[in-house]
PDB file of N, CA and C in Angstrom:
ATOM      1  N   MET A   1     -11.816   4.830  -1.152  1.00  0.00           N
ATOM      2  CA  MET A   1     -10.414   3.946  -0.961  1.00  0.00           C
ATOM      3  C   MET A   1      -9.548   3.710  -2.346  1.00  0.00           C
ATOM      4  N   GLU A   2     -10.196   3.825  -3.538  1.00  0.00           N
ATOM      5  CA  GLU A   2      -9.517   3.835  -4.584  1.00  0.00           C
ATOM      6  C   GLU A   2      -8.374   4.912  -4.821  1.00  0.00           C
ATOM      7  N   ARG A   3      -8.959   5.942  -4.276  1.00  0.00           N
ATOM      8  CA  ARG A   3      -8.178   7.435  -4.523  1.00  0.00           C
ATOM      9  C   ARG A   3      -6.947   7.086  -3.548  1.00  0.00           C
ATOM     10  N   ALA A   4      -7.313   6.554  -2.276  1.00  0.00           N
ATOM     11  CA  ALA A   4      -6.127   6.217  -1.304  1.00  0.00           C
ATOM     12  C   ALA A   4      -4.886   5.284  -1.956  1.00  0.00           C
ATOM     13  N   VAL A   5      -5.534   4.395  -2.465  1.00  0.00           N
ATOM     14  CA  VAL A   5      -4.680   3.170  -3.164  1.00  0.00           C
ATOM     15  C   VAL A   5      -3.973   3.870  -4.291  1.00  0.00           C
ATOM     16  N   ARG A   6      -4.569   4.698  -5.142  1.00  0.00           N
ATOM     17  CA  ARG A   6      -3.871   5.416  -6.254  1.00  0.00           C
ATOM     18  C   ARG A   6      -2.729   6.224  -5.765  1.00  0.00           C
ATOM     19  N   LYS A   7      -2.880   6.895  -4.652  1.00  0.00           N
ATOM     20  CA  LYS A   7      -1.889   7.691  -4.008  1.00  0.00           C
ATOM     21  C   LYS A   7      -0.508   7.019  -3.760  1.00  0.00           C
ATOM     22  N   LEU A   8      -0.719   5.556  -3.501  1.00  0.00           N
ATOM     23  CA  LEU A   8       0.554   5.083  -2.955  1.00  0.00           C
ATOM     24  C   LEU A   8       1.717   4.879  -4.042  1.00  0.00           C
ATOM     25  N   PRO A   9       2.802   4.936  -3.548  1.00  0.00           N
ATOM     26  CA  PRO A   9       3.993   4.737  -4.620  1.00  0.00           C
ATOM     27  C   PRO A   9       3.703   3.488  -5.302  1.00  0.00           C
ATOM     28  N   ARG A  10       4.301   3.299  -6.610  1.00  0.00           N
ATOM     29  CA  ARG A  10       4.233   2.260  -7.591  1.00  0.00           C
ATOM     30  C   ARG A  10       4.275   1.034  -6.916  1.00  0.00           C
ATOM     31  N   LEU A  11       5.424   0.618  -6.566  1.00  0.00           N
ATOM     32  CA  LEU A  11       5.723  -0.690  -5.827  1.00  0.00           C
ATOM     33  C   LEU A  11       5.018  -1.042  -4.920  1.00  0.00           C
ATOM     34  N   GLN A  12       4.724  -0.189  -3.829  1.00  0.00           N
ATOM     35  CA  GLN A  12       3.876  -0.337  -2.712  1.00  0.00           C
ATOM     36  C   GLN A  12       2.473  -0.788  -3.194  1.00  0.00           C
ATOM     37  N   ARG A  13       1.893   0.002  -4.271  1.00  0.00           N
ATOM     38  CA  ARG A  13       0.389  -0.348  -4.700  1.00  0.00           C
ATOM     39  C   ARG A  13       0.406  -1.539  -5.374  1.00  0.00           C
ATOM     40  N   GLU A  14       1.422  -1.907  -6.180  1.00  0.00           N
ATOM     41  CA  GLU A  14       1.498  -3.353  -7.004  1.00  0.00           C
ATOM     42  C   GLU A  14       1.583  -4.495  -5.877  1.00  0.00           C
ATOM     43  N   ILE A  15       2.196  -4.286  -4.846  1.00  0.00           N
ATOM     44  CA  ILE A  15       2.423  -5.416  -3.871  1.00  0.00           C
ATOM     45  C   ILE A  15       0.932  -5.390  -3.223  1.00  0.00           C
ATOM     46  N   PHE A  16       0.418  -4.202  -2.791  1.00  0.00           N
ATOM     47  CA  PHE A  16      -0.786  -4.256  -1.960  1.00  0.00           C
ATOM     48  C   PHE A  16      -1.856  -4.983  -2.976  1.00  0.00           C
ATOM     49  N   LEU A  17      -2.088  -4.451  -4.139  1.00  0.00           N
ATOM     50  CA  LEU A  17      -3.089  -4.979  -5.000  1.00  0.00           C
ATOM     51  C   LEU A  17      -2.854  -6.444  -5.212  1.00  0.00           C
ATOM     52  N   ALA A  18      -1.736  -6.879  -5.422  1.00  0.00           N
ATOM     53  CA  ALA A  18      -1.340  -8.306  -5.558  1.00  0.00           C
ATOM     54  C   ALA A  18      -1.834  -9.212  -4.532  1.00  0.00           C
ATOM     55  N   ALA A  19      -1.619  -8.840  -3.200  1.00  0.00           N
ATOM     56  CA  ALA A  19      -1.745  -9.466  -1.920  1.00  0.00           C
ATOM     57  C   ALA A  19      -3.398  -9.261  -1.737  1.00  0.00           C
ATOM     58  N   ARG A  20      -4.008  -8.226  -1.932  1.00  0.00           N
ATOM     59  CA  ARG A  20      -5.456  -8.079  -1.681  1.00  0.00           C
ATOM     60  C   ARG A  20      -6.401  -8.520  -2.668  1.00  0.00           C
ATOM     61  N   PHE A  21      -5.969  -8.236  -3.914  1.00  0.00           N
ATOM     62  CA  PHE A  21      -6.988  -8.417  -5.051  1.00  0.00           C
ATOM     63  C   PHE A  21      -6.677  -9.714  -5.805  1.00  0.00           C
ATOM     64  N   ASP A  22      -5.305  -9.948  -6.133  1.00  0.00           N
ATOM     65  CA  ASP A  22      -4.888 -11.115  -6.756  1.00  0.00           C
ATOM     66  C   ASP A  22      -4.786 -12.330  -5.968  1.00  0.00           C
ATOM     67  N   ASP A  23      -5.084 -12.328  -4.670  1.00  0.00           N
ATOM     68  CA  ASP A  23      -4.792 -13.631  -3.821  1.00  0.00           C
ATOM     69  C   ASP A  23      -3.343 -13.988  -3.770  1.00  0.00           C
ATOM     70  N   MET A  24      -2.432 -13.367  -4.134  1.00  0.00           N
ATOM     71  CA  MET A  24      -1.139 -13.842  -4.146  1.00  0.00           C
ATOM     72  C   MET A  24      -0.446 -13.852  -2.599  1.00  0.00           C
ATOM     73  N   SER A  25       0.339 -14.854  -2.471  1.00  0.00           N
ATOM     74  CA  SER A  25       0.911 -15.053  -1.296  1.00  0.00           C
ATOM     75  C   SER A  25       2.055 -14.079  -1.090  1.00  0.00           C
ATOM     76  N   TYR A  26       2.700 -13.828  -0.003  1.00  0.00           N
ATOM     77  CA  TYR A  26       3.699 -12.916   0.206  1.00  0.00           C
ATOM     78  C   TYR A  26       5.135 -13.573  -0.552  1.00  0.00           C
ATOM     79  N   VAL A  27       5.070 -15.003  -0.506  1.00  0.00           N
ATOM     80  CA  VAL A  27       6.196 -15.687  -1.161  1.00  0.00           C
ATOM     81  C   VAL A  27       6.194 -15.244  -2.688  1.00  0.00           C
ATOM     82  N   GLU A  28       4.899 -15.405  -3.211  1.00  0.00           N
ATOM     83  CA  GLU A  28       4.746 -15.213  -4.587  1.00  0.00           C
ATOM     84  C   GLU A  28       5.137 -13.808  -5.069  1.00  0.00           C
ATOM     85  N   ILE A  29       4.835 -12.972  -4.391  1.00  0.00           N
ATOM     86  CA  ILE A  29       4.983 -11.665  -4.356  1.00  0.00           C
ATOM     87  C   ILE A  29       6.474 -11.131  -4.371  1.00  0.00           C
ATOM     88  N   ALA A  30       7.090 -11.848  -3.282  1.00  0.00           N
ATOM     89  CA  ALA A  30       8.660 -11.551  -3.191  1.00  0.00           C
ATOM     90  C   ALA A  30       9.384 -12.275  -4.254  1.00  0.00           C
ATOM     91  N   GLU A  31       8.781 -13.252  -4.888  1.00  0.00           N
ATOM     92  CA  GLU A  31       9.668 -13.783  -6.048  1.00  0.00           C
ATOM     93  C   GLU A  31       9.416 -13.140  -7.240  1.00  0.00           C
ATOM     94  N   ARG A  32       8.184 -12.492  -7.452  1.00  0.00           N
ATOM     95  CA  ARG A  32       7.836 -11.525  -8.737  1.00  0.00           C
ATOM     96  C   ARG A  32       8.696 -10.353  -8.663  1.00  0.00           C
ATOM     97  N   THR A  33       8.604  -9.770  -7.367  1.00  0.00           N
ATOM     98  CA  THR A  33       9.308  -8.326  -7.244  1.00  0.00           C
ATOM     99  C   THR A  33      10.861  -8.248  -6.885  1.00  0.00           C
ATOM    100  N   GLY A  34      11.383  -9.526  -6.417  1.00  0.00           N
ATOM    101  CA  GLY A  34      12.755  -9.487  -6.218  1.00  0.00           C
ATOM    102  C   GLY A  34      13.049  -9.064  -4.799  1.00  0.00           C
ATOM    103  N   LEU A  35      11.948  -8.895  -4.024  1.00  0.00           N
ATOM    104  CA  LEU A  35      12.030  -8.553  -2.627  1.00  0.00           C
ATOM    105  C   LEU A  35      12.141  -9.783  -1.736  1.00  0.00           C
ATOM    106  N   THR A  36      12.440  -9.469  -0.386  1.00  0.00           N
ATOM    107  CA  THR A  36      12.378 -10.665   0.581  1.00  0.00           C
ATOM    108  C   THR A  36      10.898 -10.663   0.946  1.00  0.00           C
ATOM    109  N   VAL A  37      10.578 -11.728   1.658  1.00  0.00           N
ATOM    110  CA  VAL A  37       9.225 -11.863   2.191  1.00  0.00           C
ATOM    111  C   VAL A  37       8.968 -10.733   3.294  1.00  0.00           C
ATOM    112  N   ARG A  38      10.088 -10.394   4.110  1.00  0.00           N
ATOM    113  CA  ARG A  38       9.928  -9.432   5.231  1.00  0.00           C
ATOM    114  C   ARG A  38       9.733  -8.250   4.613  1.00  0.00           C
ATOM    115  N   GLU A  39      10.484  -7.751   3.542  1.00  0.00           N
ATOM    116  CA  GLU A  39      10.084  -6.574   2.661  1.00  0.00           C
ATOM    117  C   GLU A  39       8.779  -6.496   2.239  1.00  0.00           C
ATOM    118  N   VAL A  40       8.115  -7.637   1.691  1.00  0.00           N
ATOM    119  CA  VAL A  40       6.909  -7.580   1.302  1.00  0.00           C
ATOM    120  C   VAL A  40       6.066  -7.196   2.400  1.00  0.00           C
ATOM    121  N   GLU A  41       6.032  -7.838   3.392  1.00  0.00           N
ATOM    122  CA  GLU A  41       5.375  -7.568   4.693  1.00  0.00           C
ATOM    123  C   GLU A  41       5.300  -6.202   5.145  1.00  0.00           C
ATOM    124  N   ARG A  42       6.707  -5.547   5.069  1.00  0.00           N
ATOM    125  CA  ARG A  42       6.917  -4.287   5.416  1.00  0.00           C
ATOM    126  C   ARG A  42       6.206  -3.312   4.540  1.00  0.00           C
ATOM    127  N   GLU A  43       5.969  -3.382   3.080  1.00  0.00           N
ATOM    128  CA  GLU A  43       5.302  -2.907   2.387  1.00  0.00           C
ATOM    129  C   GLU A  43       3.917  -2.682   2.368  1.00  0.00           C
ATOM    130  N   ILE A  44       3.465  -4.101   2.687  1.00  0.00           N
ATOM    131  CA  ILE A  44       1.809  -4.207   2.982  1.00  0.00           C
ATOM    132  C   ILE A  44       1.368  -3.029   4.262  1.00  0.00           C
ATOM    133  N   ALA A  45       2.417  -3.426   5.252  1.00  0.00           N
ATOM    134  CA  ALA A  45       1.919  -2.689   6.464  1.00  0.00           C
ATOM    135  C   ALA A  45       2.014  -1.116   6.268  1.00  0.00           C
ATOM    136  N   ARG A  46       2.892  -0.615   5.430  1.00  0.00           N
ATOM    137  CA  ARG A  46       3.157   0.715   5.088  1.00  0.00           C
ATOM    138  C   ARG A  46       1.835   1.090   4.129  1.00  0.00           C
ATOM    139  N   ALA A  47       1.441   0.316   3.390  1.00  0.00           N
ATOM    140  CA  ALA A  47       0.338   0.688   2.490  1.00  0.00           C
ATOM    141  C   ALA A  47      -0.832   0.777   3.377  1.00  0.00           C
ATOM    142  N   LEU A  48      -1.094  -0.202   4.167  1.00  0.00           N
ATOM    143  CA  LEU A  48      -2.519  -0.168   5.136  1.00  0.00           C
ATOM    144  C   LEU A  48      -2.317   1.170   6.037  1.00  0.00           C
ATOM    145  N   VAL A  49      -1.101   1.490   6.725  1.00  0.00           N
ATOM    146  CA  VAL A  49      -1.368   2.685   7.305  1.00  0.00           C
ATOM    147  C   VAL A  49      -1.550   3.986   6.320  1.00  0.00           C
ATOM    148  N   SER A  50      -0.974   3.919   5.247  1.00  0.00           N
ATOM    149  CA  SER A  50      -1.052   4.990   4.353  1.00  0.00           C
ATOM    150  C   SER A  50      -2.584   5.271   3.970  1.00  0.00           C
ATOM    151  N   ILE A  51      -3.135   4.210   3.517  1.00  0.00           N
ATOM    152  CA  ILE A  51      -4.533   4.071   3.074  1.00  0.00           C
ATOM    153  C   ILE A  51      -5.520   4.600   4.218  1.00  0.00           C
ATOM    154  N   ALA A  52      -5.240   3.998   5.507  1.00  0.00           N
ATOM    155  CA  ALA A  52      -6.041   4.253   6.823  1.00  0.00           C
ATOM    156  C   ALA A  52      -5.754   5.800   6.945  1.00  0.00           C
ATOM    157  N   ARG A  53      -4.681   6.293   6.888  1.00  0.00           N
ATOM    158  CA  ARG A  53      -4.509   7.780   7.220  1.00  0.00           C
ATOM    159  C   ARG A  53      -5.257   8.590   5.916  1.00  0.00           C
ATOM    160  N   ARG A  54      -5.121   8.308   4.711  1.00  0.00           N
ATOM    161  CA  ARG A  54      -5.817   9.158   3.748  1.00  0.00           C
ATOM    162  C   ARG A  54      -7.350   9.106   3.921  1.00  0.00           C
ATOM    163  N   MET A  55      -7.739   7.792   4.104  1.00  0.00           N
ATOM    164  CA  MET A  55      -9.316   7.705   4.375  1.00  0.00           C
ATOM    165  C   MET A  55      -9.745   8.448   5.520  1.00  0.00           C
ATOM    166  N   ASP A  56      -9.122   8.557   6.720  1.00  0.00           N
ATOM    167  CA  ASP A  56      -9.402   9.390   7.946  1.00  0.00           C
ATOM    168  C   ASP A  56      -9.256  10.978   7.801  1.00  0.00           C
ATOM    169  N   ARG A  57      -8.383  11.385   6.795  1.00  0.00           N
ATOM    170  CA  ARG A  57      -7.987  12.689   6.622  1.00  0.00           C
ATOM    171  C   ARG A  57      -9.194  13.675   6.289  1.00  0.00           C
ATOM    172  N   GLN A  58      -9.267  14.790   6.816  1.00  0.00           N
ATOM    173  CA  GLN A  58     -10.260  15.778   6.403  1.00  0.00           C
ATOM    174  C   GLN A  58      -9.611  16.581   5.410  1.00  0.00           C
ATOM    175  N   PRO A  59     -10.489  17.136   4.577  1.00  0.00           N
ATOM    176  CA  PRO A  59      -9.797  18.058   3.428  1.00  0.00           C
ATOM    177  C   PRO A  59      -8.856  19.032   4.237  1.00  0.00           C
ATOM    178  N   ARG A  60      -7.795  19.179   3.538  1.00  0.00           N
ATOM    179  CA  ARG A  60      -6.906  20.267   4.145  1.00  0.00           C
ATOM    180  C   ARG A  60      -7.315  21.791   3.836  1.00  0.00           C
ATOM    181  N   ARG A  61      -7.090  22.517   4.786  1.00  0.00           N
ATOM    182  CA  ARG A  61      -7.479  23.950   4.538  1.00  0.00           C
ATOM    183  C   ARG A  61      -6.105  24.651   4.554  1.00  0.00           C
ATOM    184  N   TRP A  62      -6.042  25.648   3.601  1.00  0.00           N
ATOM    185  CA  TRP A  62      -4.715  26.487   3.677  1.00  0.00           C
ATOM    186  C   TRP A  62      -4.170  26.963   4.968  1.00  0.00           C
ATOM    187  N   TRP A  63      -5.159  27.382   5.877  1.00  0.00           N
ATOM    188  CA  TRP A  63      -4.772  28.053   7.084  1.00  0.00           C
ATOM    189  C   TRP A  63      -4.403  27.058   8.287  1.00  0.00           C
ATOM    190  N   ARG A  64      -4.739  25.823   7.806  1.00  0.00           N
ATOM    191  CA  ARG A  64      -4.337  24.803   8.885  1.00  0.00           C
ATOM    192  C   ARG A  64      -3.125  24.002   8.510  1.00  0.00           C
ATOM    193  N   ARG A  65      -2.342  23.638   9.365  1.00  0.00           N
ATOM    194  CA  ARG A  65      -1.114  22.624   8.982  1.00  0.00           C
ATOM    195  C   ARG A  65      -1.037  21.647   9.930  1.00  0.00           C
TER     196      ARG A  65
END
């Protein structure tokens, strides 16, 4: 999971970590980042989808696309 989190874009990673590990509310994150609460929600959702995909992914083979 750590590797999947590290692969997130910087802002998305910061938002995800603030929400999940720093126990910050979406309102607090929005104030800190200058985003709206809706944008914070969207970035959390994108982060969760990205992490889930990376954790489920099998190692890529050069002959498979």
